[in-house]
Protein backbone atom coordinates (compact mmCIF):
# COMPACT_ATOMS: atom_id res chain seq x y z
CA MET A 1 42.54 119.53 140.38
CA ALA A 2 41.62 120.87 137.17
CA LYS A 3 41.45 124.01 134.73
CA GLY A 4 38.65 125.94 136.30
CA SER A 5 38.10 124.25 139.71
CA LYS A 6 39.30 125.87 143.14
CA GLN A 7 39.53 123.26 145.33
CA LYS A 8 40.79 123.82 149.31
CA GLY A 9 42.38 121.50 151.31
CA LYS A 10 45.53 120.45 153.33
CA LYS A 11 48.59 121.95 152.67
CA PRO A 12 50.70 118.88 151.57
CA THR A 13 53.65 117.89 154.20
CA GLU A 14 57.23 117.39 153.05
CA LYS A 15 57.05 113.73 153.49
CA GLN A 16 54.17 113.92 151.28
CA LEU A 17 55.42 116.11 148.92
CA GLU A 18 58.56 113.18 148.81
CA THR A 19 56.68 110.14 148.71
CA ILE A 20 54.56 111.61 145.12
CA ARG A 21 58.17 112.32 143.92
CA ILE A 22 59.53 108.64 144.50
CA ARG A 23 56.25 107.57 142.68
CA LEU A 24 56.59 109.62 139.92
CA ALA A 25 60.42 108.77 139.36
CA PRO A 26 59.86 107.06 136.18
CA PHE A 27 58.72 110.22 134.85
CA LEU A 28 60.94 112.71 136.47
CA LYS A 29 63.73 110.70 135.25
CA ASN A 30 62.43 110.83 131.09
CA ASN A 31 61.52 114.49 131.74
CA PRO A 32 64.12 116.51 133.73
CA THR A 33 62.69 120.05 133.20
CA SER A 34 60.01 119.01 135.00
CA LYS A 35 59.40 119.14 139.05
CA ILE A 36 57.47 117.73 141.86
CA GLU A 37 56.34 121.09 143.98
CA ARG A 38 53.88 122.03 146.41
CA VAL A 39 51.57 125.15 144.78
CA ASP A 40 48.87 127.17 146.07
CA PHE A 41 46.87 128.32 142.85
CA PRO A 42 44.32 127.58 142.22
CA GLY A 43 44.22 125.62 145.94
CA GLU A 44 46.74 124.34 147.70
CA GLY A 45 48.22 120.81 146.49
CA VAL A 46 50.48 119.59 144.69
CA ALA A 47 51.60 120.26 140.61
CA VAL A 48 53.92 119.02 137.85
CA THR A 49 55.55 122.25 137.41
CA SER A 50 57.61 123.07 133.87
CA PRO A 51 55.28 119.82 131.92
CA TRP A 52 57.29 119.99 128.32
CA GLY A 53 59.69 122.23 129.78
CA ASP A 54 57.23 124.85 129.98
CA THR A 55 56.76 127.18 132.62
CA SER A 56 53.07 128.76 131.26
CA LEU A 57 51.52 125.64 132.37
CA GLU A 58 50.87 122.87 135.69
CA LEU A 59 49.64 119.67 135.83
CA PHE A 60 47.89 119.50 139.36
CA LEU A 61 47.62 116.01 141.10
CA PRO A 62 44.18 115.09 142.23
CA SER A 63 43.66 113.62 146.28
CA LYS A 64 43.13 110.07 143.94
CA PRO A 65 46.35 110.37 141.97
CA GLU A 66 47.15 107.26 140.68
CA PRO A 67 45.73 107.24 137.21
CA LEU A 68 47.64 110.41 136.51
CA ILE A 69 50.93 108.96 137.83
CA GLN A 70 50.81 105.79 135.38
CA ALA A 71 49.82 108.16 132.98
CA LEU A 72 53.02 110.32 133.84
CA ASN A 73 55.17 107.56 133.87
CA SER A 74 54.11 106.22 130.93
CA VAL A 75 54.90 109.16 128.56
CA ILE A 76 57.88 111.70 127.69
CA LEU A 77 56.95 114.87 127.48
CA PRO A 78 58.90 116.73 124.75
CA GLU A 79 60.15 120.25 125.59
CA ARG A 80 60.47 120.87 121.49
CA PHE A 81 56.57 119.58 120.38
CA THR A 82 53.06 120.07 121.32
CA ALA A 83 53.18 116.36 121.60
CA ILE A 84 53.28 112.93 123.91
CA TRP A 85 55.76 110.54 123.46
CA HIS A 86 54.39 107.23 124.36
CA LEU A 87 57.08 105.00 126.41
CA ASP A 88 55.19 101.71 125.70
CA THR A 89 53.63 101.97 122.08
CA LYS A 90 56.46 103.99 120.75
CA SER A 91 54.40 106.20 119.45
CA LEU A 92 54.77 110.18 118.46
CA GLU A 93 50.79 111.50 119.37
CA VAL A 94 51.18 115.11 118.36
CA ILE A 95 48.11 116.95 120.24
CA TYR A 96 46.12 118.59 117.79
CA THR A 97 42.34 119.36 117.89
CA VAL A 98 38.57 118.59 119.85
CA TYR A 99 37.43 120.35 116.65
CA GLY A 100 36.08 118.37 113.47
CA ILE A 101 38.65 118.36 110.96
CA GLU A 102 39.06 117.69 107.05
CA GLU A 103 41.99 115.43 107.54
CA LYS A 104 39.90 113.17 110.34
CA ASP A 105 40.26 110.43 108.04
CA ARG A 106 44.11 110.61 106.61
CA SER A 107 46.61 107.96 106.61
CA PHE A 108 49.83 107.51 105.08
CA ALA A 109 53.01 105.89 105.13
CA PHE A 110 56.44 108.19 104.87
CA THR A 111 59.41 106.74 103.89
CA PHE A 112 62.77 108.87 105.10
CA ASN A 113 66.20 107.98 105.41
CA ASP A 114 65.10 104.46 104.49
CA VAL A 115 62.23 104.35 107.66
CA THR A 116 58.72 104.19 106.94
CA TYR A 117 56.57 105.89 109.45
CA GLU A 118 53.26 105.38 110.12
CA CYS A 119 51.33 109.15 109.90
CA THR A 120 47.58 108.81 110.64
CA TYR A 121 44.91 110.72 112.25
CA GLY A 122 43.14 109.51 114.71
CA ASP A 123 41.64 109.78 118.80
CA SER A 124 43.35 111.49 120.78
CA SER A 125 44.60 109.40 123.89
CA ASP A 126 43.33 108.33 127.15
CA ARG A 127 46.56 109.95 128.91
CA LEU A 128 46.36 113.10 126.58
CA LEU A 129 42.84 113.65 127.99
CA LEU A 130 43.49 112.69 131.47
CA LEU A 131 46.82 115.68 131.22
CA ALA A 132 43.94 117.64 130.04
CA GLU A 133 41.67 116.78 132.68
CA HIS A 134 44.30 118.12 135.36
CA TYR A 135 46.16 120.77 133.19
CA PHE A 136 46.10 124.79 134.25
CA PRO A 137 47.51 127.64 132.95
CA ILE A 138 49.50 129.60 135.06
CA ALA A 139 50.90 132.49 132.94
CA ALA A 140 48.94 135.13 130.84
CA ARG A 141 50.08 134.60 127.62
CA SER A 142 51.99 131.26 126.45
CA VAL A 143 54.42 130.95 123.23
CA THR A 144 53.13 127.69 122.75
CA ASP A 145 49.59 128.49 122.99
CA TYR A 146 49.79 125.94 126.32
CA ARG A 147 50.83 122.83 124.17
CA ASN A 148 46.69 123.11 122.93
CA LEU A 149 45.78 121.95 126.31
CA ASP A 150 43.24 124.95 126.96
CA ASP A 151 40.36 123.02 124.45
CA TYR A 152 40.85 119.75 125.79
CA SER A 153 40.43 120.94 128.71
CA ASP A 154 37.41 122.36 128.14
CA TYR A 155 36.31 119.15 126.23
CA VAL A 156 37.28 116.81 129.23
CA LEU A 157 35.44 119.17 131.83
CA ALA A 158 32.36 119.67 129.44
CA GLU A 159 32.01 115.77 129.40
CA LYS A 160 32.07 115.46 133.16
CA GLY A 161 29.67 117.74 133.37
CA ILE A 162 31.59 120.38 135.52
CA LYS A 163 29.23 123.13 136.00
CA GLY A 164 30.21 126.57 134.10
CA VAL A 165 31.82 124.44 131.18
CA PRO A 166 29.78 124.35 127.87
CA ARG A 167 29.78 121.28 125.95
CA ILE A 168 31.78 121.69 122.05
CA PRO A 169 29.28 121.01 119.19
CA SER A 170 30.36 117.68 117.55
CA ALA A 171 33.82 117.70 119.27
CA LYS A 172 36.17 114.57 118.88
CA PRO A 173 39.55 114.79 120.13
CA VAL A 174 41.93 114.28 117.22
CA SER A 175 45.80 113.33 117.54
CA PHE A 176 48.20 112.93 114.69
CA TRP A 177 50.06 109.89 115.35
CA ILE A 178 53.44 108.88 114.00
CA LYS A 179 54.71 105.81 114.75
CA GLY A 180 58.00 103.71 113.16
CA LEU A 181 60.22 105.57 116.19
CA ASP A 182 62.42 102.96 117.32
CA GLU A 183 63.31 104.92 120.46
CA TRP A 184 63.01 108.97 121.48
CA ASN A 185 65.35 111.02 120.29
CA PRO A 186 64.85 114.29 119.91
CA ASP A 187 67.09 115.63 117.46
CA VAL A 188 66.03 112.71 114.52
CA VAL A 189 62.03 113.86 115.99
CA LEU A 190 63.10 117.44 115.12
CA VAL A 191 64.36 116.48 111.26
CA LEU A 192 61.58 114.07 110.91
CA ALA A 193 59.17 116.54 112.18
CA THR A 194 60.74 119.47 109.89
CA HIS A 195 60.38 117.15 106.75
CA LEU A 196 57.38 116.07 107.31
CA ASN A 197 56.00 119.47 107.77
CA PHE A 198 56.94 120.27 104.49
CA TYR A 199 56.05 117.25 102.58
CA MET A 200 52.38 117.40 104.20
CA THR A 201 51.97 121.23 102.78
CA TYR A 202 53.83 120.37 99.42
CA TYR A 203 51.18 118.05 98.82
CA ASP A 204 48.33 119.84 100.48
CA THR A 205 48.90 123.58 101.27
CA SER A 206 46.04 123.66 104.08
CA SER A 207 48.05 120.42 105.76
CA ALA A 208 48.24 120.95 109.48
CA GLN A 209 51.47 121.45 110.70
CA ILE A 210 53.60 119.76 113.81
CA LEU A 211 54.22 122.84 116.08
CA ILE A 212 58.38 123.00 117.25
CA HIS A 213 58.73 125.31 119.51
CA SER A 214 62.23 126.52 120.84
CA PRO A 215 64.04 124.77 123.57
CA VAL A 216 64.33 126.60 127.23
CA SER A 217 68.23 126.60 127.54
CA GLU A 218 70.06 124.87 130.06
CA THR A 219 73.24 124.66 128.78
CA PHE A 220 74.18 127.83 129.95
CA ALA A 221 72.17 130.29 132.41
CA MET A 222 71.08 132.65 130.01
CA GLN A 223 70.57 136.42 131.08
CA PRO A 224 66.92 137.89 129.20
CA GLU A 225 67.61 140.59 126.56
CA THR A 226 67.87 144.36 128.11
CA ARG A 227 64.42 145.43 128.53
CA PHE A 228 65.22 149.33 127.77
CA CYS A 229 67.64 150.76 125.98
CA GLU A 230 67.82 154.11 127.39
CA GLY A 231 67.46 152.73 130.98
CA SER A 232 63.63 153.40 131.13
CA PHE A 233 60.90 154.48 128.73
CA PRO A 234 61.34 157.83 126.94
CA PRO A 235 58.17 160.03 127.77
CA GLU A 236 58.62 161.38 123.87
CA ILE A 237 59.35 159.87 120.93
CA ARG A 238 59.81 161.27 117.50
CA GLY A 239 59.91 158.89 114.92
CA ARG A 240 61.15 158.46 111.24
CA LEU A 241 59.86 156.60 108.46
CA ILE A 242 61.71 153.48 108.13
CA GLU A 243 61.77 151.21 105.30
CA GLU A 244 58.94 148.72 104.89
CA THR A 245 61.03 145.64 103.82
CA LEU A 246 63.34 146.67 107.42
CA LEU A 247 60.12 146.79 108.90
CA HIS A 248 59.37 143.02 107.70
CA PHE A 249 62.38 141.51 108.28
CA TRP A 250 62.20 143.08 112.07
CA ARG A 251 58.72 141.93 112.32
CA ALA A 252 59.55 138.36 111.32
CA SER A 253 62.84 138.64 113.92
CA ARG A 254 60.35 139.59 116.60
CA GLU A 255 57.49 137.04 115.67
CA ASP A 256 59.22 133.75 115.34
CA SER A 257 60.29 131.62 118.88
CA ASP A 258 63.03 129.84 116.29
CA PRO A 259 66.46 131.68 117.38
CA ILE A 260 67.92 130.17 113.89
CA ARG A 261 65.47 131.94 111.76
CA SER A 262 65.31 135.24 114.21
CA PHE A 263 68.94 135.19 114.11
CA LEU A 264 69.04 134.77 110.08
CA ASN A 265 66.23 137.94 110.00
CA ASN A 266 67.88 140.06 112.23
CA TYR A 267 71.04 139.52 109.58
CA LEU A 268 68.89 140.41 106.84
CA ILE A 269 68.25 144.06 108.19
CA LEU A 270 71.86 144.00 108.29
CA GLU A 271 72.71 142.78 105.03
CA TYR A 272 70.04 144.31 103.18
CA ALA A 273 70.80 147.66 104.78
CA ALA A 274 74.35 147.49 103.93
CA PHE A 275 74.12 147.25 100.60
CA PHE A 276 72.67 150.54 100.16
CA TYR A 277 75.20 151.72 102.32
CA ILE A 278 77.84 154.40 101.33
CA ASP A 279 81.34 155.38 102.81
CA ASP A 280 81.98 158.76 103.55
CA SER A 281 84.92 158.86 101.82
CA VAL A 282 82.94 158.02 98.49
CA LYS A 283 80.03 160.45 99.18
CA ARG A 284 82.69 162.77 99.59
CA ASN A 285 84.76 162.35 96.71
CA VAL A 286 80.87 162.22 94.89
CA ARG A 287 80.05 165.49 95.83
CA LYS A 288 83.98 167.16 94.94
CA CYS A 289 83.29 165.77 91.16
CA LEU A 290 79.62 167.39 91.40
CA ILE A 291 80.46 170.68 92.73
CA ASP A 292 83.65 171.48 90.40
CA PRO A 293 83.03 174.43 88.53
CA THR A 294 84.09 172.90 85.44
CA ALA A 295 81.98 169.97 85.93
CA ILE A 296 79.31 170.79 83.53
CA VAL A 297 81.81 171.61 80.55
CA ASP A 298 83.32 167.86 80.72
CA ILE A 299 80.59 165.80 80.76
CA ASP A 300 82.26 163.01 79.92
CA GLY A 301 85.34 163.80 82.29
CA LEU A 302 82.78 164.36 84.71
CA THR A 303 81.07 160.68 84.50
CA GLN A 304 84.48 159.36 84.43
CA ARG A 305 85.53 160.70 87.65
CA LEU A 306 81.78 159.64 89.10
CA VAL A 307 82.56 155.89 88.31
CA GLU A 308 85.49 155.68 89.47
CA ALA A 309 84.38 157.57 92.84
CA ILE A 310 81.42 155.06 93.28
CA GLY A 311 83.87 152.66 92.04
CA GLU A 312 85.77 152.51 95.19
CA LYS A 313 82.77 151.14 96.59
CA MET A 314 83.48 148.60 99.52
CA GLN A 315 82.91 144.88 99.75
CA GLU A 316 80.18 143.84 101.84
CA ASP A 317 81.46 142.61 104.94
CA GLN A 318 83.22 145.98 105.09
CA ARG A 319 79.79 147.88 104.26
CA ILE A 320 78.13 145.98 107.67
CA GLN A 321 81.33 147.18 109.76
CA HIS A 322 81.65 150.62 108.65
CA MET A 323 77.67 150.96 109.10
CA LEU A 324 77.83 149.14 112.46
CA LYS A 325 80.44 151.67 113.85
CA ASN A 326 78.87 154.97 112.42
CA CYS A 327 75.17 153.22 113.35
CA VAL A 328 75.32 151.08 116.76
CA ARG A 329 76.32 152.15 119.84
CA PRO A 330 78.79 149.51 121.18
CA LYS A 331 77.82 149.71 125.03
CA LEU A 332 74.21 148.18 124.01
CA VAL A 333 75.72 145.19 122.37
CA TRP A 334 78.06 145.16 125.06
CA GLN A 335 75.68 144.55 127.60
CA GLU A 336 74.12 141.90 125.63
CA ILE A 337 77.29 140.05 125.57
CA GLU A 338 78.71 141.11 129.14
CA LYS A 339 75.47 139.77 130.68
CA ASN A 340 76.32 136.22 129.27
CA ARG A 341 80.32 136.47 129.22
CA ASN A 342 80.50 132.91 130.23
CA PHE A 343 79.31 132.17 127.01
CA PHE A 344 81.03 134.26 124.67
CA SER A 345 84.46 133.85 125.99
CA SER A 346 83.82 130.03 125.66
CA GLN A 347 84.63 128.16 122.47
CA GLN A 348 81.17 127.19 120.72
CA LYS A 349 81.38 123.86 118.93
CA PHE A 350 78.11 123.27 117.11
CA ASP A 351 76.54 119.92 115.86
CA GLY A 352 77.33 119.43 112.32
CA GLY A 353 81.04 120.06 112.44
CA PHE A 354 80.94 124.29 112.82
CA VAL A 355 83.12 125.82 115.76
CA LEU A 356 83.24 129.64 116.74
CA GLU A 357 85.93 131.08 118.52
CA PRO A 358 85.37 132.72 122.05
CA MET A 359 84.30 136.35 121.08
CA ILE A 360 85.91 137.82 124.22
CA THR A 361 88.21 137.22 126.98
CA PRO A 362 87.02 136.31 131.11
CA GLN A 363 88.91 140.03 131.31
CA THR A 364 87.73 141.86 128.49
CA SER A 365 86.35 145.21 129.47
CA GLU A 366 83.50 147.49 127.87
CA LYS A 367 86.37 149.59 126.77
CA GLU A 368 88.65 146.69 125.29
CA PHE A 369 85.62 145.60 123.38
CA SER A 370 84.53 148.73 121.96
CA ALA A 371 87.77 149.18 120.21
CA ASN A 372 87.20 147.86 116.54
CA TRP A 373 84.68 145.56 118.33
CA GLU A 374 82.54 146.26 114.50
CA LEU A 375 84.91 143.91 113.16
CA THR A 376 85.18 141.24 115.62
CA PHE A 377 81.07 141.09 115.75
CA GLU A 378 80.41 141.02 112.33
CA ARG A 379 83.09 138.18 111.01
CA LYS A 380 81.27 135.98 113.76
CA ILE A 381 77.30 136.70 113.01
CA ARG A 382 78.88 136.47 109.70
CA SER A 383 80.30 132.65 109.50
CA ILE A 384 77.33 132.09 111.77
CA ARG A 385 75.15 132.89 108.73
CA ASN A 386 77.07 131.17 106.35
CA ALA A 387 77.02 127.76 108.02
CA LEU A 388 73.00 128.65 108.20
CA SER A 389 72.42 129.97 105.10
CA HIS A 390 74.80 128.07 102.68
CA GLY A 391 74.65 124.80 104.13
CA LYS A 392 78.59 124.99 104.48
CA GLU A 393 81.03 127.84 106.26
CA GLN A 394 82.80 128.18 103.31
CA ARG A 395 86.17 128.15 104.99
CA THR A 396 85.86 125.22 107.14
CA LEU A 397 83.16 123.18 105.23
CA SER A 398 81.46 122.80 108.28
CA THR A 399 77.70 123.22 109.44
CA ILE A 400 75.03 124.15 112.02
CA SER A 401 72.46 121.57 112.17
CA PRO A 402 69.07 122.27 113.34
CA THR A 403 69.52 120.06 116.57
CA THR A 404 68.41 121.39 120.08
CA ARG A 405 71.46 121.99 121.06
CA ASN A 406 72.17 124.19 118.32
CA PHE A 407 69.24 125.96 119.10
CA GLN A 408 69.74 126.70 122.37
CA LEU A 409 73.70 128.10 121.18
CA LEU A 410 72.00 130.15 118.60
CA GLU A 411 69.26 132.10 121.62
CA ARG A 412 72.86 133.89 122.97
CA TRP A 413 73.22 135.02 119.75
CA VAL A 414 69.67 136.43 118.84
CA PRO A 415 70.23 139.35 121.35
CA PRO A 416 73.22 141.19 120.53
CA ILE A 417 72.47 141.02 116.51
CA ALA A 418 68.76 142.30 117.58
CA VAL A 419 70.32 144.96 119.08
CA ALA A 420 72.65 146.08 116.44
CA ALA A 421 69.48 145.47 113.81
CA ARG A 422 67.82 147.90 115.39
CA GLU A 423 70.19 150.72 115.84
CA VAL A 424 70.76 150.53 112.20
CA MET A 425 67.38 151.06 111.50
CA VAL A 426 66.66 153.95 113.12
CA TYR A 427 70.67 155.41 112.45
CA ARG A 428 71.28 154.32 108.84
CA GLU A 429 70.07 157.36 107.36
CA ILE A 430 71.34 159.30 109.34
CA ALA A 431 74.94 158.65 109.93
């Protein structure tokens, strides 16, 4: 069953379903996020659900499924990439485009960590075209852009003469191939792809990029971010002007699905806002100096007192802590922490050596959390930031490596820091 077609047929029995699962056992073993399930849209049948661990699309099995079964049993569909790993040829096929590209004849060797990889643009594989033929989007939108399969599907269906699917002029399916990997290792490929993206754009600023997606975490049962901060959408909003720099960081944090960059952009909001944050005691001392009836008489003395008052300026961590306390409602942060209590009450060991002790205990209540919460929260997010931005966490000389597992861990920290950042953006000018 292919995109754009609706086929009616007998509802598959449980025995037929189990038979297909047995025939696809190699695929299911190599792709544990995928399942074989009975579906009724766009027509009754059997489909591979969550291929690539991606819930925005499915692969429908046709009435004669053997070619598709053989193709699926020969590949790994990596969650982090718009790509296919071919088990027999040990090559990574990055799904690119069916349109003509300037780099179509580009081929180069990339030596990295003492290994030389053969990188080239070339014809897309028959396996990819077969997957595209049986692909169907099931979500209104996809953060992975349906793994680039929409255009491939249109191309295949048009080539088969499916009614209503126009041919794409000068179409030629092209993939980016990487050869030289001995085995599939998602963390090795992640590092390789990240460096390839950098060097390709270093030598060609218009070079295509290998798409890298955030993983769907299976380590903890993550609960989604709270949708309405006030319980429902308000009938009226009275907006205030927000500094453009803060809006820039906020946009970046929302547009990027990478939890590392999203975390760092939210931290930048807090860091930037705190830079200009002045403690109430400093404000009071400055006001006191300025309203002194004799201030204008002794300008030098006034200047000295002002310098002393401003000199009491807090350190950055203290400014962030005070800003969190005065601008952020702890109950909103608690909502994001409490719903993932098992995670935040556990020690988190990151690949790279960085270890984060539990933020709460399994018994912590909202009242207990809210007492001096800003101190604990600021220390946790600052230590994460240090391990990410500085490469080494200053006290422990440990890192957070860009691995799949670390992305999964950091995904839990994005909702609470995002809540804090938004609150600061709204209330920092009046706190």
